[in-house]
Amino acid sequence: MLNKYMMIILAAFFVCSISTGYAQKAAEVYIPIGQSPGISGKSSSVVGTIESVDKQNMTITVKSGSETYTGKIAEKTVVYLDRNKSQKKNTTGNLEDCRAGIRCEMKYSYEDHQQTDKVDWIKIEWDE
């Protein structure tokens, strides 16, 4: 039988492991393009330039180096406006803010521990 201290430790571990993902998502708006811990530089994230946005098919295409990546925009896809260059507070935007030629970072979503072609979020460099 587990003693009460062991139960407290297990409960604390459980709470911390659940809240870590939520904390990352809540703080994502403040993190500059290409600097998201555990995300940027991984296969689930692409830093590049928006090549096109197809609002009819709800897709966005990003060019990074010689590679081109396409993601599906979902209702829950979040658009972050990275305004660090203009030294303004970062905020959220919408699909209308995504335009060809803008530097961005696109993060694919996961379902059942498998990367999908759906976009979880996209950060765009915003100077307006």
C-alpha atoms as a PDB file:
ATOM      1  CA  MET A   1       0.000   0.000   0.000  1.00  0.00           C
ATOM      2  CA  LEU A   2       1.294   3.447  -0.916  1.00  0.00           C
ATOM      3  CA  ASN A   3       1.929   5.830   1.919  1.00  0.00           C
ATOM      4  CA  LYS A   4       0.545   9.369   1.808  1.00  0.00           C
ATOM      5  CA  TYR A   5       3.878  10.928   0.757  1.00  0.00           C
ATOM      6  CA  MET A   6       4.152   8.637  -2.226  1.00  0.00           C
ATOM      7  CA  MET A   7       0.571   9.538  -3.212  1.00  0.00           C
ATOM      8  CA  ILE A   8       1.401  13.268  -2.973  1.00  0.00           C
ATOM      9  CA  ILE A   9       4.496  12.824  -5.132  1.00  0.00           C
ATOM     10  CA  LEU A  10       2.564  10.848  -7.747  1.00  0.00           C
ATOM     11  CA  ALA A  11      -0.240  13.431  -7.776  1.00  0.00           C
ATOM     12  CA  ALA A  12       2.247  16.299  -8.192  1.00  0.00           C
ATOM     13  CA  PHE A  13       4.004  14.482 -11.026  1.00  0.00           C
ATOM     14  CA  PHE A  14       0.676  13.877 -12.774  1.00  0.00           C
ATOM     15  CA  VAL A  15      -0.395  17.532 -12.485  1.00  0.00           C
ATOM     16  CA  CYS A  16       2.974  18.816 -13.715  1.00  0.00           C
ATOM     17  CA  SER A  17       3.051  16.490 -16.699  1.00  0.00           C
ATOM     18  CA  ILE A  18      -0.425  17.574 -17.816  1.00  0.00           C
ATOM     19  CA  SER A  19       0.123  21.307 -17.368  1.00  0.00           C
ATOM     20  CA  THR A  20       3.454  21.432 -19.254  1.00  0.00           C
ATOM     21  CA  GLY A  21       1.764  21.141 -22.649  1.00  0.00           C
ATOM     22  CA  TYR A  22      -0.816  23.757 -21.776  1.00  0.00           C
ATOM     23  CA  ALA A  23       1.858  26.136 -20.474  1.00  0.00           C
ATOM     24  CA  GLN A  24       3.845  25.778 -23.708  1.00  0.00           C
ATOM     25  CA  LYS A  25       0.757  26.519 -25.782  1.00  0.00           C
ATOM     26  CA  ALA A  26      -0.218  29.529 -23.649  1.00  0.00           C
ATOM     27  CA  ALA A  27       3.289  31.004 -23.890  1.00  0.00           C
ATOM     28  CA  GLU A  28       3.764  30.300 -27.605  1.00  0.00           C
ATOM     29  CA  VAL A  29       2.541  33.761 -28.624  1.00  0.00           C
ATOM     30  CA  TYR A  30       5.522  35.352 -26.832  1.00  0.00           C
ATOM     31  CA  ILE A  31       8.227  33.116 -28.326  1.00  0.00           C
ATOM     32  CA  PRO A  32       9.948  34.467 -31.473  1.00  0.00           C
ATOM     33  CA  ILE A  33       9.982  32.557 -34.757  1.00  0.00           C
ATOM     34  CA  GLY A  34      12.428  29.656 -34.649  1.00  0.00           C
ATOM     35  CA  GLN A  35      12.935  29.692 -30.865  1.00  0.00           C
ATOM     36  CA  SER A  36      10.151  27.459 -29.500  1.00  0.00           C
ATOM     37  CA  PRO A  37      11.746  25.003 -27.053  1.00  0.00           C
ATOM     38  CA  GLY A  38      11.315  21.401 -28.152  1.00  0.00           C
ATOM     39  CA  ILE A  39       9.558  22.458 -31.374  1.00  0.00           C
ATOM     40  CA  SER A  40      11.719  24.733 -33.519  1.00  0.00           C
ATOM     41  CA  GLY A  41      14.312  22.862 -35.536  1.00  0.00           C
ATOM     42  CA  LYS A  42      12.378  19.593 -35.265  1.00  0.00           C
ATOM     43  CA  SER A  43      10.508  17.795 -38.038  1.00  0.00           C
ATOM     44  CA  SER A  44       7.168  19.089 -36.730  1.00  0.00           C
ATOM     45  CA  SER A  45       8.176  22.705 -37.396  1.00  0.00           C
ATOM     46  CA  VAL A  46       9.209  24.549 -40.557  1.00  0.00           C
ATOM     47  CA  VAL A  47      10.776  28.022 -40.659  1.00  0.00           C
ATOM     48  CA  GLY A  48      10.620  29.688 -44.041  1.00  0.00           C
ATOM     49  CA  THR A  49       8.642  32.074 -46.215  1.00  0.00           C
ATOM     50  CA  ILE A  50       4.974  31.794 -47.070  1.00  0.00           C
ATOM     51  CA  GLU A  51       4.778  30.886 -50.736  1.00  0.00           C
ATOM     52  CA  SER A  52       0.984  30.794 -51.032  1.00  0.00           C
ATOM     53  CA  VAL A  53      -2.262  30.646 -49.078  1.00  0.00           C
ATOM     54  CA  ASP A  54      -5.186  28.811 -50.684  1.00  0.00           C
ATOM     55  CA  LYS A  55      -8.259  29.942 -48.760  1.00  0.00           C
ATOM     56  CA  GLN A  56     -10.598  27.802 -50.856  1.00  0.00           C
ATOM     57  CA  ASN A  57      -8.764  24.551 -50.026  1.00  0.00           C
ATOM     58  CA  MET A  58      -7.604  25.885 -46.631  1.00  0.00           C
ATOM     59  CA  THR A  59      -3.905  25.177 -47.213  1.00  0.00           C
ATOM     60  CA  ILE A  60      -0.726  27.136 -46.723  1.00  0.00           C
ATOM     61  CA  THR A  61       2.567  26.487 -48.509  1.00  0.00           C
ATOM     62  CA  VAL A  62       5.894  27.438 -46.953  1.00  0.00           C
ATOM     63  CA  LYS A  63       9.266  27.407 -48.699  1.00  0.00           C
ATOM     64  CA  SER A  64      12.287  26.627 -46.557  1.00  0.00           C
ATOM     65  CA  GLY A  65      15.569  26.494 -48.466  1.00  0.00           C
ATOM     66  CA  SER A  66      14.944  24.294 -51.504  1.00  0.00           C
ATOM     67  CA  GLU A  67      12.054  22.412 -49.842  1.00  0.00           C
ATOM     68  CA  THR A  68       8.349  23.251 -50.003  1.00  0.00           C
ATOM     69  CA  TYR A  69       5.908  22.261 -47.240  1.00  0.00           C
ATOM     70  CA  THR A  70       2.119  22.381 -47.356  1.00  0.00           C
ATOM     71  CA  GLY A  71      -0.170  22.283 -44.362  1.00  0.00           C
ATOM     72  CA  LYS A  72      -3.933  22.161 -43.940  1.00  0.00           C
ATOM     73  CA  ILE A  73      -5.465  25.025 -42.016  1.00  0.00           C
ATOM     74  CA  ALA A  74      -8.055  23.832 -39.486  1.00  0.00           C
ATOM     75  CA  GLU A  75     -10.600  25.776 -37.461  1.00  0.00           C
ATOM     76  CA  LYS A  76      -8.354  25.480 -34.423  1.00  0.00           C
ATOM     77  CA  THR A  77      -5.182  26.633 -36.236  1.00  0.00           C
ATOM     78  CA  VAL A  78      -3.793  29.660 -34.396  1.00  0.00           C
ATOM     79  CA  VAL A  79      -1.986  32.506 -36.171  1.00  0.00           C
ATOM     80  CA  TYR A  80       0.587  34.321 -34.030  1.00  0.00           C
ATOM     81  CA  LEU A  81       1.969  37.717 -35.024  1.00  0.00           C
ATOM     82  CA  ASP A  82       5.666  37.917 -34.109  1.00  0.00           C
ATOM     83  CA  ARG A  83       6.274  41.663 -33.726  1.00  0.00           C
ATOM     84  CA  ASN A  84       9.715  41.438 -32.096  1.00  0.00           C
ATOM     85  CA  LYS A  85      11.463  43.322 -34.924  1.00  0.00           C
ATOM     86  CA  SER A  86       9.247  46.356 -34.365  1.00  0.00           C
ATOM     87  CA  GLN A  87       9.645  45.942 -30.573  1.00  0.00           C
ATOM     88  CA  LYS A  88       5.904  45.624 -30.051  1.00  0.00           C
ATOM     89  CA  LYS A  89       3.983  43.072 -28.023  1.00  0.00           C
ATOM     90  CA  ASN A  90       3.274  39.843 -29.897  1.00  0.00           C
ATOM     91  CA  THR A  91      -0.375  38.996 -30.408  1.00  0.00           C
ATOM     92  CA  THR A  92      -2.657  36.681 -32.349  1.00  0.00           C
ATOM     93  CA  GLY A  93      -3.934  37.266 -35.848  1.00  0.00           C
ATOM     94  CA  ASN A  94      -5.946  35.321 -38.397  1.00  0.00           C
ATOM     95  CA  LEU A  95      -5.598  33.644 -41.770  1.00  0.00           C
ATOM     96  CA  GLU A  96      -6.050  37.005 -43.530  1.00  0.00           C
ATOM     97  CA  ASP A  97      -2.668  38.066 -42.070  1.00  0.00           C
ATOM     98  CA  CYS A  98      -0.879  35.187 -43.842  1.00  0.00           C
ATOM     99  CA  ARG A  99       0.407  36.434 -47.198  1.00  0.00           C
ATOM    100  CA  ALA A 100       3.030  35.333 -49.688  1.00  0.00           C
ATOM    101  CA  GLY A 101       6.530  36.601 -48.962  1.00  0.00           C
ATOM    102  CA  ILE A 102       6.179  36.776 -45.166  1.00  0.00           C
ATOM    103  CA  ARG A 103       8.727  34.916 -43.006  1.00  0.00           C
ATOM    104  CA  CYS A 104       7.041  32.355 -40.781  1.00  0.00           C
ATOM    105  CA  GLU A 105       7.250  29.238 -38.668  1.00  0.00           C
ATOM    106  CA  MET A 106       4.610  26.559 -39.212  1.00  0.00           C
ATOM    107  CA  LYS A 107       4.009  23.762 -36.699  1.00  0.00           C
ATOM    108  CA  TYR A 108       2.211  20.608 -37.717  1.00  0.00           C
ATOM    109  CA  SER A 109      -0.220  18.975 -35.294  1.00  0.00           C
ATOM    110  CA  TYR A 110      -0.109  15.440 -33.942  1.00  0.00           C
ATOM    111  CA  GLU A 111      -2.858  12.879 -33.533  1.00  0.00           C
ATOM    112  CA  ASP A 112      -2.216   9.592 -31.731  1.00  0.00           C
ATOM    113  CA  HIS A 113       1.509  10.447 -31.574  1.00  0.00           C
ATOM    114  CA  GLN A 114       1.674  10.747 -35.383  1.00  0.00           C
ATOM    115  CA  GLN A 115       2.422  13.983 -37.237  1.00  0.00           C
ATOM    116  CA  THR A 116      -0.431  15.047 -39.515  1.00  0.00           C
ATOM    117  CA  ASP A 117      -0.607  17.490 -42.423  1.00  0.00           C
ATOM    118  CA  LYS A 118      -2.787  19.811 -40.305  1.00  0.00           C
ATOM    119  CA  VAL A 119      -1.267  23.028 -38.984  1.00  0.00           C
ATOM    120  CA  ASP A 120      -1.443  23.495 -35.217  1.00  0.00           C
ATOM    121  CA  TRP A 121      -0.115  27.066 -35.380  1.00  0.00           C
ATOM    122  CA  ILE A 122       1.743  29.445 -37.627  1.00  0.00           C
ATOM    123  CA  LYS A 123       3.841  32.413 -36.513  1.00  0.00           C
ATOM    124  CA  ILE A 124       4.345  35.192 -38.975  1.00  0.00           C
ATOM    125  CA  GLU A 125       6.842  38.032 -38.855  1.00  0.00           C
ATOM    126  CA  TRP A 126       4.691  41.115 -38.463  1.00  0.00           C
ATOM    127  CA  ASP A 127       5.908  44.705 -38.690  1.00  0.00           C
ATOM    128  CA  GLU A 128       2.590  46.493 -39.180  1.00  0.00           C
END
